[in-house]
PDB file of N, CA and C in Angstrom:
ATOM      1  N   MET A   1      25.760 116.924-122.943  1.00  0.00           N
ATOM      2  CA  MET A   1      25.091 118.308-122.310  1.00  0.00           C
ATOM      3  C   MET A   1      23.746 118.321-122.920  1.00  0.00           C
ATOM      4  N   SER A   2      22.797 118.277-122.158  1.00  0.00           N
ATOM      5  CA  SER A   2      21.211 118.985-122.497  1.00  0.00           C
ATOM      6  C   SER A   2      21.368 120.290-122.781  1.00  0.00           C
ATOM      7  N   ASN A   3      20.129 120.609-123.326  1.00  0.00           N
ATOM      8  CA  ASN A   3      19.890 122.247-123.593  1.00  0.00           C
ATOM      9  C   ASN A   3      19.714 122.946-122.286  1.00  0.00           C
ATOM     10  N   ASP A   4      19.300 122.521-121.119  1.00  0.00           N
ATOM     11  CA  ASP A   4      19.006 122.969-120.101  1.00  0.00           C
ATOM     12  C   ASP A   4      19.881 123.207-119.139  1.00  0.00           C
ATOM     13  N   HIS A   5      20.988 122.231-118.866  1.00  0.00           N
ATOM     14  CA  HIS A   5      22.161 122.380-117.894  1.00  0.00           C
ATOM     15  C   HIS A   5      23.226 121.723-118.519  1.00  0.00           C
ATOM     16  N   LEU A   6      24.416 121.717-117.827  1.00  0.00           N
ATOM     17  CA  LEU A   6      25.535 121.137-118.080  1.00  0.00           C
ATOM     18  C   LEU A   6      26.050 120.516-117.234  1.00  0.00           C
ATOM     19  N   ASN A   7      26.709 119.352-117.477  1.00  0.00           N
ATOM     20  CA  ASN A   7      26.975 118.206-116.792  1.00  0.00           C
ATOM     21  C   ASN A   7      28.247 117.495-117.378  1.00  0.00           C
ATOM     22  N   ILE A   8      29.584 117.863-116.920  1.00  0.00           N
ATOM     23  CA  ILE A   8      31.006 117.277-117.543  1.00  0.00           C
ATOM     24  C   ILE A   8      31.374 116.300-116.547  1.00  0.00           C
ATOM     25  N   GLY A   9      31.670 115.086-116.586  1.00  0.00           N
ATOM     26  CA  GLY A   9      32.538 114.471-115.328  1.00  0.00           C
ATOM     27  C   GLY A   9      33.883 114.701-115.290  1.00  0.00           C
ATOM     28  N   ALA A  10      34.312 114.576-113.967  1.00  0.00           N
ATOM     29  CA  ALA A  10      36.017 114.953-113.875  1.00  0.00           C
ATOM     30  C   ALA A  10      36.741 113.919-114.618  1.00  0.00           C
ATOM     31  N   THR A  11      37.812 114.190-115.090  1.00  0.00           N
ATOM     32  CA  THR A  11      38.888 113.265-115.582  1.00  0.00           C
ATOM     33  C   THR A  11      40.234 113.277-114.493  1.00  0.00           C
ATOM     34  N   GLU A  12      41.083 112.623-115.137  1.00  0.00           N
ATOM     35  CA  GLU A  12      42.402 112.934-114.313  1.00  0.00           C
ATOM     36  C   GLU A  12      43.014 114.360-114.305  1.00  0.00           C
ATOM     37  N   ASP A  13      42.449 114.700-115.103  1.00  0.00           N
ATOM     38  CA  ASP A  13      43.293 116.394-115.581  1.00  0.00           C
ATOM     39  C   ASP A  13      42.244 117.363-115.602  1.00  0.00           C
ATOM     40  N   THR A  14      40.691 116.912-115.728  1.00  0.00           N
ATOM     41  CA  THR A  14      40.057 118.127-115.574  1.00  0.00           C
ATOM     42  C   THR A  14      39.144 117.912-114.784  1.00  0.00           C
ATOM     43  N   PRO A  15      38.487 119.095-114.115  1.00  0.00           N
ATOM     44  CA  PRO A  15      37.476 119.203-113.252  1.00  0.00           C
ATOM     45  C   PRO A  15      36.027 118.591-113.767  1.00  0.00           C
ATOM     46  N   GLU A  16      35.151 118.195-112.839  1.00  0.00           N
ATOM     47  CA  GLU A  16      34.003 117.949-112.810  1.00  0.00           C
ATOM     48  C   GLU A  16      33.227 119.468-113.021  1.00  0.00           C
ATOM     49  N   VAL A  17      32.211 119.725-114.009  1.00  0.00           N
ATOM     50  CA  VAL A  17      31.619 120.809-113.992  1.00  0.00           C
ATOM     51  C   VAL A  17      30.116 120.797-114.149  1.00  0.00           C
ATOM     52  N   PHE A  18      29.426 121.439-113.173  1.00  0.00           N
ATOM     53  CA  PHE A  18      28.003 121.161-113.362  1.00  0.00           C
ATOM     54  C   PHE A  18      27.204 122.318-113.280  1.00  0.00           C
ATOM     55  N   LEU A  19      26.167 122.526-113.935  1.00  0.00           N
ATOM     56  CA  LEU A  19      25.319 123.794-113.973  1.00  0.00           C
ATOM     57  C   LEU A  19      24.074 123.344-113.831  1.00  0.00           C
ATOM     58  N   SER A  20      23.163 123.618-112.728  1.00  0.00           N
ATOM     59  CA  SER A  20      21.691 123.171-112.522  1.00  0.00           C
ATOM     60  C   SER A  20      20.841 123.588-113.708  1.00  0.00           C
ATOM     61  N   ALA A  21      19.995 123.099-114.150  1.00  0.00           N
ATOM     62  CA  ALA A  21      18.740 123.364-115.064  1.00  0.00           C
ATOM     63  C   ALA A  21      18.225 124.823-114.712  1.00  0.00           C
ATOM     64  N   ASP A  22      18.050 125.035-113.376  1.00  0.00           N
ATOM     65  CA  ASP A  22      17.571 126.240-113.302  1.00  0.00           C
ATOM     66  C   ASP A  22      18.468 127.273-112.714  1.00  0.00           C
ATOM     67  N   GLY A  23      19.737 126.853-113.089  1.00  0.00           N
ATOM     68  CA  GLY A  23      20.662 128.042-112.827  1.00  0.00           C
ATOM     69  C   GLY A  23      21.131 128.378-111.749  1.00  0.00           C
ATOM     70  N   SER A  24      20.671 127.694-110.665  1.00  0.00           N
ATOM     71  CA  SER A  24      20.760 128.293-109.236  1.00  0.00           C
ATOM     72  C   SER A  24      22.237 127.888-109.062  1.00  0.00           C
ATOM     73  N   LYS A  25      22.769 126.851-109.457  1.00  0.00           N
ATOM     74  CA  LYS A  25      23.983 126.247-108.702  1.00  0.00           C
ATOM     75  C   LYS A  25      25.206 125.867-109.995  1.00  0.00           C
ATOM     76  N   MET A  26      26.137 126.268-109.846  1.00  0.00           N
ATOM     77  CA  MET A  26      27.264 125.858-110.705  1.00  0.00           C
ATOM     78  C   MET A  26      28.363 125.647-109.920  1.00  0.00           C
ATOM     79  N   LEU A  27      28.997 124.178-110.221  1.00  0.00           N
ATOM     80  CA  LEU A  27      30.129 123.613-109.526  1.00  0.00           C
ATOM     81  C   LEU A  27      31.312 123.435-110.503  1.00  0.00           C
ATOM     82  N   VAL A  28      32.348 123.765-110.026  1.00  0.00           N
ATOM     83  CA  VAL A  28      33.843 123.220-110.566  1.00  0.00           C
ATOM     84  C   VAL A  28      34.538 122.823-109.459  1.00  0.00           C
ATOM     85  N   SER A  29      34.957 121.068-109.726  1.00  0.00           N
ATOM     86  CA  SER A  29      35.363 120.790-108.913  1.00  0.00           C
ATOM     87  C   SER A  29      36.590 119.560-109.285  1.00  0.00           C
ATOM     88  N   GLY A  30      37.606 119.730-108.372  1.00  0.00           N
ATOM     89  CA  GLY A  30      38.740 118.457-108.709  1.00  0.00           C
ATOM     90  C   GLY A  30      39.865 119.000-109.188  1.00  0.00           C
ATOM     91  N   MET A  31      40.591 118.169-110.085  1.00  0.00           N
ATOM     92  CA  MET A  31      41.892 118.758-110.842  1.00  0.00           C
ATOM     93  C   MET A  31      41.599 119.634-111.733  1.00  0.00           C
ATOM     94  N   SER A  32      42.376 120.693-112.179  1.00  0.00           N
ATOM     95  CA  SER A  32      42.135 121.577-113.363  1.00  0.00           C
ATOM     96  C   SER A  32      43.531 121.774-114.173  1.00  0.00           C
ATOM     97  N   MET A  33      44.032 120.787-114.852  1.00  0.00           N
ATOM     98  CA  MET A  33      45.215 120.791-115.640  1.00  0.00           C
ATOM     99  C   MET A  33      45.414 120.393-117.045  1.00  0.00           C
ATOM    100  N   PRO A  34      44.132 120.788-117.757  1.00  0.00           N
ATOM    101  CA  PRO A  34      44.081 120.307-119.103  1.00  0.00           C
ATOM    102  C   PRO A  34      45.094 120.513-119.803  1.00  0.00           C
ATOM    103  N   GLU A  35      45.430 119.783-120.668  1.00  0.00           N
ATOM    104  CA  GLU A  35      46.300 120.154-122.033  1.00  0.00           C
ATOM    105  C   GLU A  35      46.306 121.664-122.689  1.00  0.00           C
ATOM    106  N   ASN A  36      45.002 121.887-122.791  1.00  0.00           N
ATOM    107  CA  ASN A  36      44.460 123.025-123.412  1.00  0.00           C
ATOM    108  C   ASN A  36      43.474 123.553-122.786  1.00  0.00           C
ATOM    109  N   ALA A  37      43.684 124.799-121.708  1.00  0.00           N
ATOM    110  CA  ALA A  37      42.482 125.015-120.820  1.00  0.00           C
ATOM    111  C   ALA A  37      41.684 125.847-121.474  1.00  0.00           C
ATOM    112  N   PHE A  38      41.937 126.721-122.627  1.00  0.00           N
ATOM    113  CA  PHE A  38      40.999 127.300-123.332  1.00  0.00           C
ATOM    114  C   PHE A  38      40.078 126.461-123.975  1.00  0.00           C
ATOM    115  N   GLU A  39      40.257 125.294-124.576  1.00  0.00           N
ATOM    116  CA  GLU A  39      39.400 124.384-125.380  1.00  0.00           C
ATOM    117  C   GLU A  39      38.526 123.682-124.406  1.00  0.00           C
ATOM    118  N   PHE A  40      38.982 123.803-123.104  1.00  0.00           N
ATOM    119  CA  PHE A  40      38.061 123.000-121.970  1.00  0.00           C
ATOM    120  C   PHE A  40      37.291 123.882-121.375  1.00  0.00           C
ATOM    121  N   TYR A  41      37.617 125.045-121.260  1.00  0.00           N
ATOM    122  CA  TYR A  41      36.888 125.982-120.364  1.00  0.00           C
ATOM    123  C   TYR A  41      35.953 126.860-121.432  1.00  0.00           C
ATOM    124  N   ASP A  42      36.287 127.147-122.706  1.00  0.00           N
ATOM    125  CA  ASP A  42      35.621 128.053-123.850  1.00  0.00           C
ATOM    126  C   ASP A  42      34.167 127.408-124.085  1.00  0.00           C
ATOM    127  N   PRO A  43      34.133 126.266-124.186  1.00  0.00           N
ATOM    128  CA  PRO A  43      32.414 125.710-124.205  1.00  0.00           C
ATOM    129  C   PRO A  43      31.505 125.973-123.008  1.00  0.00           C
ATOM    130  N   ILE A  44      32.583 125.728-121.790  1.00  0.00           N
ATOM    131  CA  ILE A  44      31.849 125.993-120.285  1.00  0.00           C
ATOM    132  C   ILE A  44      31.014 127.363-120.291  1.00  0.00           C
ATOM    133  N   GLU A  45      32.281 128.168-120.796  1.00  0.00           N
ATOM    134  CA  GLU A  45      31.850 129.780-120.671  1.00  0.00           C
ATOM    135  C   GLU A  45      30.785 130.315-121.411  1.00  0.00           C
ATOM    136  N   LYS A  46      30.893 129.392-122.716  1.00  0.00           N
ATOM    137  CA  LYS A  46      29.709 129.796-123.458  1.00  0.00           C
ATOM    138  C   LYS A  46      28.292 129.495-123.123  1.00  0.00           C
ATOM    139  N   LYS A  47      28.186 128.065-122.736  1.00  0.00           N
ATOM    140  CA  LYS A  47      27.223 127.493-122.395  1.00  0.00           C
ATOM    141  C   LYS A  47      26.496 128.158-121.114  1.00  0.00           C
ATOM    142  N   SER A  48      27.412 128.106-120.030  1.00  0.00           N
ATOM    143  CA  SER A  48      27.067 128.939-119.036  1.00  0.00           C
ATOM    144  C   SER A  48      26.330 130.186-119.124  1.00  0.00           C
ATOM    145  N   THR A  49      27.111 130.733-119.812  1.00  0.00           N
ATOM    146  CA  THR A  49      26.526 132.537-119.947  1.00  0.00           C
ATOM    147  C   THR A  49      24.880 132.345-120.876  1.00  0.00           C
ATOM    148  N   GLU A  50      24.970 131.248-121.633  1.00  0.00           N
ATOM    149  CA  GLU A  50      23.859 131.139-122.536  1.00  0.00           C
ATOM    150  C   GLU A  50      22.777 131.064-121.749  1.00  0.00           C
ATOM    151  N   VAL A  51      22.887 129.872-120.576  1.00  0.00           N
ATOM    152  CA  VAL A  51      21.821 129.715-119.857  1.00  0.00           C
ATOM    153  C   VAL A  51      21.364 130.540-118.775  1.00  0.00           C
ATOM    154  N   LEU A  52      22.405 131.325-118.086  1.00  0.00           N
ATOM    155  CA  LEU A  52      22.231 132.361-117.035  1.00  0.00           C
ATOM    156  C   LEU A  52      21.927 133.720-117.949  1.00  0.00           C
ATOM    157  N   SER A  53      22.094 134.038-118.841  1.00  0.00           N
ATOM    158  CA  SER A  53      21.558 135.186-119.409  1.00  0.00           C
ATOM    159  C   SER A  53      19.947 135.300-119.588  1.00  0.00           C
ATOM    160  N   LYS A  54      19.453 134.435-119.304  1.00  0.00           N
ATOM    161  CA  LYS A  54      17.993 134.165-119.334  1.00  0.00           C
ATOM    162  C   LYS A  54      17.515 134.075-118.051  1.00  0.00           C
ATOM    163  N   LEU A  55      18.176 134.059-117.161  1.00  0.00           N
ATOM    164  CA  LEU A  55      17.674 134.010-115.596  1.00  0.00           C
ATOM    165  C   LEU A  55      17.774 135.236-114.438  1.00  0.00           C
ATOM    166  N   GLN A  56      17.050 135.314-113.823  1.00  0.00           N
ATOM    167  CA  GLN A  56      16.762 136.395-112.756  1.00  0.00           C
ATOM    168  C   GLN A  56      17.259 136.166-111.480  1.00  0.00           C
ATOM    169  N   ASN A  57      17.272 134.698-111.107  1.00  0.00           N
ATOM    170  CA  ASN A  57      17.884 134.336-109.744  1.00  0.00           C
ATOM    171  C   ASN A  57      19.225 134.279-109.474  1.00  0.00           C
ATOM    172  N   THR A  58      19.608 134.213-108.347  1.00  0.00           N
ATOM    173  CA  THR A  58      20.977 134.422-107.887  1.00  0.00           C
ATOM    174  C   THR A  58      21.542 132.826-108.232  1.00  0.00           C
ATOM    175  N   THR A  59      22.847 132.723-108.869  1.00  0.00           N
ATOM    176  CA  THR A  59      23.717 131.680-109.286  1.00  0.00           C
ATOM    177  C   THR A  59      24.599 131.954-107.946  1.00  0.00           C
ATOM    178  N   THR A  60      24.909 130.436-107.710  1.00  0.00           N
ATOM    179  CA  THR A  60      26.022 130.255-106.701  1.00  0.00           C
ATOM    180  C   THR A  60      26.760 129.196-107.447  1.00  0.00           C
ATOM    181  N   LEU A  61      28.352 129.922-107.407  1.00  0.00           N
ATOM    182  CA  LEU A  61      29.307 129.028-108.213  1.00  0.00           C
ATOM    183  C   LEU A  61      30.212 128.741-107.345  1.00  0.00           C
ATOM    184  N   GLU A  62      30.155 127.555-107.392  1.00  0.00           N
ATOM    185  CA  GLU A  62      31.185 126.756-106.303  1.00  0.00           C
ATOM    186  C   GLU A  62      32.520 126.161-106.593  1.00  0.00           C
ATOM    187  N   ILE A  63      33.500 126.790-106.189  1.00  0.00           N
ATOM    188  CA  ILE A  63      34.748 125.816-106.802  1.00  0.00           C
ATOM    189  C   ILE A  63      35.706 125.550-105.775  1.00  0.00           C
ATOM    190  N   GLN A  64      35.673 124.284-106.249  1.00  0.00           N
ATOM    191  CA  GLN A  64      36.465 123.564-105.022  1.00  0.00           C
ATOM    192  C   GLN A  64      37.656 122.782-105.862  1.00  0.00           C
ATOM    193  N   LEU A  65      38.743 123.407-106.065  1.00  0.00           N
ATOM    194  CA  LEU A  65      39.864 122.602-106.705  1.00  0.00           C
ATOM    195  C   LEU A  65      40.848 122.129-105.962  1.00  0.00           C
ATOM    196  N   SER A  66      41.458 120.790-106.279  1.00  0.00           N
ATOM    197  CA  SER A  66      42.594 120.397-105.640  1.00  0.00           C
ATOM    198  C   SER A  66      43.875 120.800-106.085  1.00  0.00           C
ATOM    199  N   TYR A  67      43.893 120.947-107.538  1.00  0.00           N
ATOM    200  CA  TYR A  67      45.203 121.596-108.091  1.00  0.00           C
ATOM    201  C   TYR A  67      44.591 122.416-109.363  1.00  0.00           C
ATOM    202  N   MET A  68      45.253 123.335-109.512  1.00  0.00           N
ATOM    203  CA  MET A  68      44.727 124.290-110.875  1.00  0.00           C
ATOM    204  C   MET A  68      46.298 124.850-111.341  1.00  0.00           C
ATOM    205  N   ASN A  69      46.505 124.777-112.721  1.00  0.00           N
ATOM    206  CA  ASN A  69      47.785 125.099-113.237  1.00  0.00           C
ATOM    207  C   ASN A  69      47.306 126.422-113.622  1.00  0.00           C
ATOM    208  N   SER A  70      48.154 127.270-114.225  1.00  0.00           N
ATOM    209  CA  SER A  70      48.336 128.996-114.494  1.00  0.00           C
ATOM    210  C   SER A  70      47.156 128.983-115.302  1.00  0.00           C
ATOM    211  N   THR A  71      47.137 128.124-116.535  1.00  0.00           N
ATOM    212  CA  THR A  71      46.400 128.565-117.697  1.00  0.00           C
ATOM    213  C   THR A  71      44.777 128.204-117.041  1.00  0.00           C
ATOM    214  N   SER A  72      44.546 127.315-116.221  1.00  0.00           N
ATOM    215  CA  SER A  72      43.166 126.995-115.739  1.00  0.00           C
ATOM    216  C   SER A  72      42.812 128.148-114.766  1.00  0.00           C
ATOM    217  N   ASN A  73      43.871 128.796-114.176  1.00  0.00           N
ATOM    218  CA  ASN A  73      43.682 129.866-113.291  1.00  0.00           C
ATOM    219  C   ASN A  73      43.156 131.362-114.047  1.00  0.00           C
ATOM    220  N   LYS A  74      43.623 131.369-115.213  1.00  0.00           N
ATOM    221  CA  LYS A  74      43.276 132.538-116.270  1.00  0.00           C
ATOM    222  C   LYS A  74      41.999 132.174-116.876  1.00  0.00           C
ATOM    223  N   GLN A  75      41.671 130.780-117.012  1.00  0.00           N
ATOM    224  CA  GLN A  75      40.111 130.601-117.644  1.00  0.00           C
ATOM    225  C   GLN A  75      39.261 130.878-116.748  1.00  0.00           C
ATOM    226  N   ILE A  76      39.429 130.213-115.136  1.00  0.00           N
ATOM    227  CA  ILE A  76      38.436 130.481-114.397  1.00  0.00           C
ATOM    228  C   ILE A  76      38.185 131.970-113.714  1.00  0.00           C
ATOM    229  N   LEU A  77      39.328 132.873-114.192  1.00  0.00           N
ATOM    230  CA  LEU A  77      38.774 134.236-113.922  1.00  0.00           C
ATOM    231  C   LEU A  77      38.214 134.815-114.904  1.00  0.00           C
ATOM    232  N   LYS A  78      38.284 134.313-116.183  1.00  0.00           N
ATOM    233  CA  LYS A  78      37.606 134.687-117.338  1.00  0.00           C
ATOM    234  C   LYS A  78      36.134 134.268-117.209  1.00  0.00           C
ATOM    235  N   LEU A  79      35.761 132.934-116.941  1.00  0.00           N
ATOM    236  CA  LEU A  79      34.597 132.331-116.610  1.00  0.00           C
ATOM    237  C   LEU A  79      33.735 133.168-115.550  1.00  0.00           C
ATOM    238  N   ILE A  80      34.418 133.500-114.346  1.00  0.00           N
ATOM    239  CA  ILE A  80      33.687 134.254-113.461  1.00  0.00           C
ATOM    240  C   ILE A  80      33.309 135.708-113.883  1.00  0.00           C
ATOM    241  N   ASN A  81      34.311 136.021-114.501  1.00  0.00           N
ATOM    242  CA  ASN A  81      33.832 137.558-115.037  1.00  0.00           C
ATOM    243  C   ASN A  81      32.883 137.627-116.109  1.00  0.00           C
ATOM    244  N   GLN A  82      33.080 136.785-117.064  1.00  0.00           N
ATOM    245  CA  GLN A  82      31.974 136.614-118.090  1.00  0.00           C
ATOM    246  C   GLN A  82      30.591 136.377-117.635  1.00  0.00           C
ATOM    247  N   ILE A  83      30.600 135.627-116.713  1.00  0.00           N
ATOM    248  CA  ILE A  83      29.129 135.227-116.087  1.00  0.00           C
ATOM    249  C   ILE A  83      28.520 136.195-115.126  1.00  0.00           C
ATOM    250  N   PHE A  84      29.604 137.166-114.524  1.00  0.00           N
ATOM    251  CA  PHE A  84      29.189 138.200-113.856  1.00  0.00           C
ATOM    252  C   PHE A  84      28.695 139.443-114.902  1.00  0.00           C
ATOM    253  N   LYS A  85      29.223 139.495-116.076  1.00  0.00           N
ATOM    254  CA  LYS A  85      28.932 140.440-117.221  1.00  0.00           C
ATOM    255  C   LYS A  85      27.453 140.264-117.443  1.00  0.00           C
ATOM    256  N   ILE A  86      26.936 139.082-117.523  1.00  0.00           N
ATOM    257  CA  ILE A  86      25.778 138.883-118.013  1.00  0.00           C
ATOM    258  C   ILE A  86      24.641 138.367-117.149  1.00  0.00           C
ATOM    259  N   HIS A  87      25.210 138.259-115.779  1.00  0.00           N
ATOM    260  CA  HIS A  87      24.301 137.785-114.785  1.00  0.00           C
ATOM    261  C   HIS A  87      24.833 138.379-113.374  1.00  0.00           C
ATOM    262  N   SER A  88      24.414 139.707-113.237  1.00  0.00           N
ATOM    263  CA  SER A  88      25.102 140.194-111.938  1.00  0.00           C
ATOM    264  C   SER A  88      24.555 139.566-110.474  1.00  0.00           C
ATOM    265  N   ALA A  89      23.731 138.593-110.568  1.00  0.00           N
ATOM    266  CA  ALA A  89      23.159 137.768-109.265  1.00  0.00           C
ATOM    267  C   ALA A  89      24.066 136.584-109.270  1.00  0.00           C
ATOM    268  N   LEU A  90      25.447 136.871-108.918  1.00  0.00           N
ATOM    269  CA  LEU A  90      26.487 135.625-108.808  1.00  0.00           C
ATOM    270  C   LEU A  90      27.185 135.745-107.495  1.00  0.00           C
ATOM    271  N   LYS A  91      27.240 134.429-106.845  1.00  0.00           N
ATOM    272  CA  LYS A  91      27.832 134.552-105.853  1.00  0.00           C
ATOM    273  C   LYS A  91      28.909 133.384-105.839  1.00  0.00           C
ATOM    274  N   VAL A  92      30.123 133.940-105.775  1.00  0.00           N
ATOM    275  CA  VAL A  92      31.346 132.539-105.686  1.00  0.00           C
ATOM    276  C   VAL A  92      31.751 132.241-104.502  1.00  0.00           C
ATOM    277  N   ILE A  93      31.591 130.763-104.372  1.00  0.00           N
ATOM    278  CA  ILE A  93      32.020 130.292-103.115  1.00  0.00           C
ATOM    279  C   ILE A  93      33.483 129.208-103.562  1.00  0.00           C
ATOM    280  N   TRP A  94      34.298 129.880-103.080  1.00  0.00           N
ATOM    281  CA  TRP A  94      35.782 129.242-103.268  1.00  0.00           C
ATOM    282  C   TRP A  94      36.010 128.807-102.249  1.00  0.00           C
ATOM    283  N   LYS A  95      36.352 127.269-102.479  1.00  0.00           N
ATOM    284  CA  LYS A  95      36.671 125.980-101.258  1.00  0.00           C
ATOM    285  C   LYS A  95      38.057 125.796-101.359  1.00  0.00           C
ATOM    286  N   TYR A  96      38.266 125.600 -99.984  1.00  0.00           N
ATOM    287  CA  TYR A  96      40.010 125.153-100.027  1.00  0.00           C
ATOM    288  C   TYR A  96      40.197 124.180 -98.826  1.00  0.00           C
ATOM    289  N   GLU A  97      40.877 123.296 -98.969  1.00  0.00           N
ATOM    290  CA  GLU A  97      41.624 122.525 -97.812  1.00  0.00           C
ATOM    291  C   GLU A  97      42.289 123.239 -96.797  1.00  0.00           C
ATOM    292  N   SER A  98      42.112 122.955 -95.669  1.00  0.00           N
ATOM    293  CA  SER A  98      42.851 123.927 -94.699  1.00  0.00           C
ATOM    294  C   SER A  98      44.459 123.855 -94.814  1.00  0.00           C
ATOM    295  N   SER A  99      44.922 122.715 -95.381  1.00  0.00           N
ATOM    296  CA  SER A  99      46.248 122.709 -95.728  1.00  0.00           C
ATOM    297  C   SER A  99      46.613 123.251 -97.086  1.00  0.00           C
ATOM    298  N   ASP A 100      45.909 123.727 -97.711  1.00  0.00           N
ATOM    299  CA  ASP A 100      46.282 123.999 -99.004  1.00  0.00           C
ATOM    300  C   ASP A 100      46.400 125.396 -99.073  1.00  0.00           C
ATOM    301  N   THR A 101      47.596 126.098 -98.894  1.00  0.00           N
ATOM    302  CA  THR A 101      47.498 127.446 -98.891  1.00  0.00           C
ATOM    303  C   THR A 101      47.994 127.893-100.532  1.00  0.00           C
ATOM    304  N   LEU A 102      48.204 126.994-101.272  1.00  0.00           N
ATOM    305  CA  LEU A 102      48.178 127.514-102.694  1.00  0.00           C
ATOM    306  C   LEU A 102      46.769 127.887-103.182  1.00  0.00           C
ATOM    307  N   ILE A 103      45.967 126.841-103.093  1.00  0.00           N
ATOM    308  CA  ILE A 103      44.326 127.171-103.881  1.00  0.00           C
ATOM    309  C   ILE A 103      43.928 128.415-102.927  1.00  0.00           C
ATOM    310  N   LYS A 104      44.287 128.246-101.507  1.00  0.00           N
ATOM    311  CA  LYS A 104      43.671 129.695-100.666  1.00  0.00           C
ATOM    312  C   LYS A 104      44.212 130.738-101.250  1.00  0.00           C
ATOM    313  N   LEU A 105      45.124 130.929-101.696  1.00  0.00           N
ATOM    314  CA  LEU A 105      46.023 132.071-102.034  1.00  0.00           C
ATOM    315  C   LEU A 105      45.264 132.475-103.545  1.00  0.00           C
ATOM    316  N   LYS A 106      45.213 131.397-104.369  1.00  0.00           N
ATOM    317  CA  LYS A 106      44.615 131.954-105.663  1.00  0.00           C
ATOM    318  C   LYS A 106      42.972 132.372-105.570  1.00  0.00           C
ATOM    319  N   GLY A 107      42.598 131.740-104.540  1.00  0.00           N
ATOM    320  CA  GLY A 107      41.066 132.475-104.171  1.00  0.00           C
ATOM    321  C   GLY A 107      41.117 133.931-103.730  1.00  0.00           C
ATOM    322  N   GLU A 108      42.162 134.064-102.870  1.00  0.00           N
ATOM    323  CA  GLU A 108      42.377 135.705-102.482  1.00  0.00           C
ATOM    324  C   GLU A 108      42.477 136.264-103.505  1.00  0.00           C
ATOM    325  N   GLU A 109      43.627 135.932-104.495  1.00  0.00           N
ATOM    326  CA  GLU A 109      44.009 136.745-105.753  1.00  0.00           C
ATOM    327  C   GLU A 109      42.593 136.995-106.344  1.00  0.00           C
ATOM    328  N   ILE A 110      41.940 136.181-106.706  1.00  0.00           N
ATOM    329  CA  ILE A 110      40.524 136.307-107.605  1.00  0.00           C
ATOM    330  C   ILE A 110      39.540 137.339-106.900  1.00  0.00           C
ATOM    331  N   LYS A 111      39.707 136.989-105.604  1.00  0.00           N
ATOM    332  CA  LYS A 111      38.644 137.874-104.563  1.00  0.00           C
ATOM    333  C   LYS A 111      39.046 139.221-104.870  1.00  0.00           C
ATOM    334  N   SER A 112      40.578 139.432-104.726  1.00  0.00           N
ATOM    335  CA  SER A 112      41.053 140.905-104.932  1.00  0.00           C
ATOM    336  C   SER A 112      40.614 141.693-106.282  1.00  0.00           C
ATOM    337  N   ILE A 113      40.984 140.949-107.362  1.00  0.00           N
ATOM    338  CA  ILE A 113      40.551 141.330-108.869  1.00  0.00           C
ATOM    339  C   ILE A 113      39.477 141.522-108.877  1.00  0.00           C
ATOM    340  N   CYS A 114      38.564 140.738-108.549  1.00  0.00           N
ATOM    341  CA  CYS A 114      37.068 140.687-108.977  1.00  0.00           C
ATOM    342  C   CYS A 114      36.354 141.187-107.842  1.00  0.00           C
ATOM    343  N   ASN A 115      36.567 142.372-107.414  1.00  0.00           N
ATOM    344  CA  ASN A 115      36.267 143.197-106.141  1.00  0.00           C
ATOM    345  C   ASN A 115      34.939 143.546-106.142  1.00  0.00           C
ATOM    346  N   SER A 116      34.300 143.573-107.307  1.00  0.00           N
ATOM    347  CA  SER A 116      32.890 144.066-107.267  1.00  0.00           C
ATOM    348  C   SER A 116      31.914 142.918-107.285  1.00  0.00           C
ATOM    349  N   ILE A 117      32.532 141.331-107.420  1.00  0.00           N
ATOM    350  CA  ILE A 117      31.659 140.185-107.240  1.00  0.00           C
ATOM    351  C   ILE A 117      31.666 139.701-105.951  1.00  0.00           C
ATOM    352  N   GLN A 118      30.640 139.244-105.397  1.00  0.00           N
ATOM    353  CA  GLN A 118      30.479 138.509-104.156  1.00  0.00           C
ATOM    354  C   GLN A 118      31.072 137.322-104.164  1.00  0.00           C
ATOM    355  N   ILE A 119      32.424 137.065-103.341  1.00  0.00           N
ATOM    356  CA  ILE A 119      33.322 135.945-103.358  1.00  0.00           C
ATOM    357  C   ILE A 119      33.466 135.689-102.096  1.00  0.00           C
ATOM    358  N   GLU A 120      33.182 134.407-101.587  1.00  0.00           N
ATOM    359  CA  GLU A 120      33.364 133.886-100.136  1.00  0.00           C
ATOM    360  C   GLU A 120      34.529 133.005 -99.985  1.00  0.00           C
ATOM    361  N   LEU A 121      35.594 132.863 -99.516  1.00  0.00           N
ATOM    362  CA  LEU A 121      36.668 131.897 -99.225  1.00  0.00           C
ATOM    363  C   LEU A 121      36.260 131.030 -98.138  1.00  0.00           C
ATOM    364  N   GLN A 122      36.307 129.494 -98.112  1.00  0.00           N
ATOM    365  CA  GLN A 122      35.305 128.852 -97.413  1.00  0.00           C
ATOM    366  C   GLN A 122      36.402 127.734 -97.031  1.00  0.00           C
ATOM    367  N   GLU A 123      37.159 127.505 -95.991  1.00  0.00           N
ATOM    368  CA  GLU A 123      38.055 126.392 -95.634  1.00  0.00           C
ATOM    369  C   GLU A 123      37.413 125.177 -95.347  1.00  0.00           C
ATOM    370  N   ILE A 124      37.690 124.001 -95.805  1.00  0.00           N
ATOM    371  CA  ILE A 124      37.039 122.819 -95.686  1.00  0.00           C
ATOM    372  C   ILE A 124      37.858 122.033 -95.001  1.00  0.00           C
ATOM    373  N   ASN A 125      37.635 120.753 -94.229  1.00  0.00           N
ATOM    374  CA  ASN A 125      38.522 119.935 -93.588  1.00  0.00           C
ATOM    375  C   ASN A 125      38.251 118.523 -94.529  1.00  0.00           C
TER     376      ASN A 125
END
């Protein structure tokens, strides 16, 4: 990780995580079932809030997961809320495969919990 952006490659159990240097785009993509979701997501939360707290422009957080365990769900919800606390210019795009009703449902749940955050659910093929 450099000082001005975040770039973590995907593994079999963890998603790719990317935050652009200008803070305009953040991506969480792939499988999210780390052995310890807190240990995986905590440094991401800290780095992203550090970078985004200095910015004024809108940040788009794109989440496109093919699988997410329950502890990852909690950590992603926490990540969204923490970013929004320090950087209210946040837009979340929750992408899901048309056949993946579980990931769609998780996106709908997060949208209902975070009702003051702009969250768009987007079906992909």
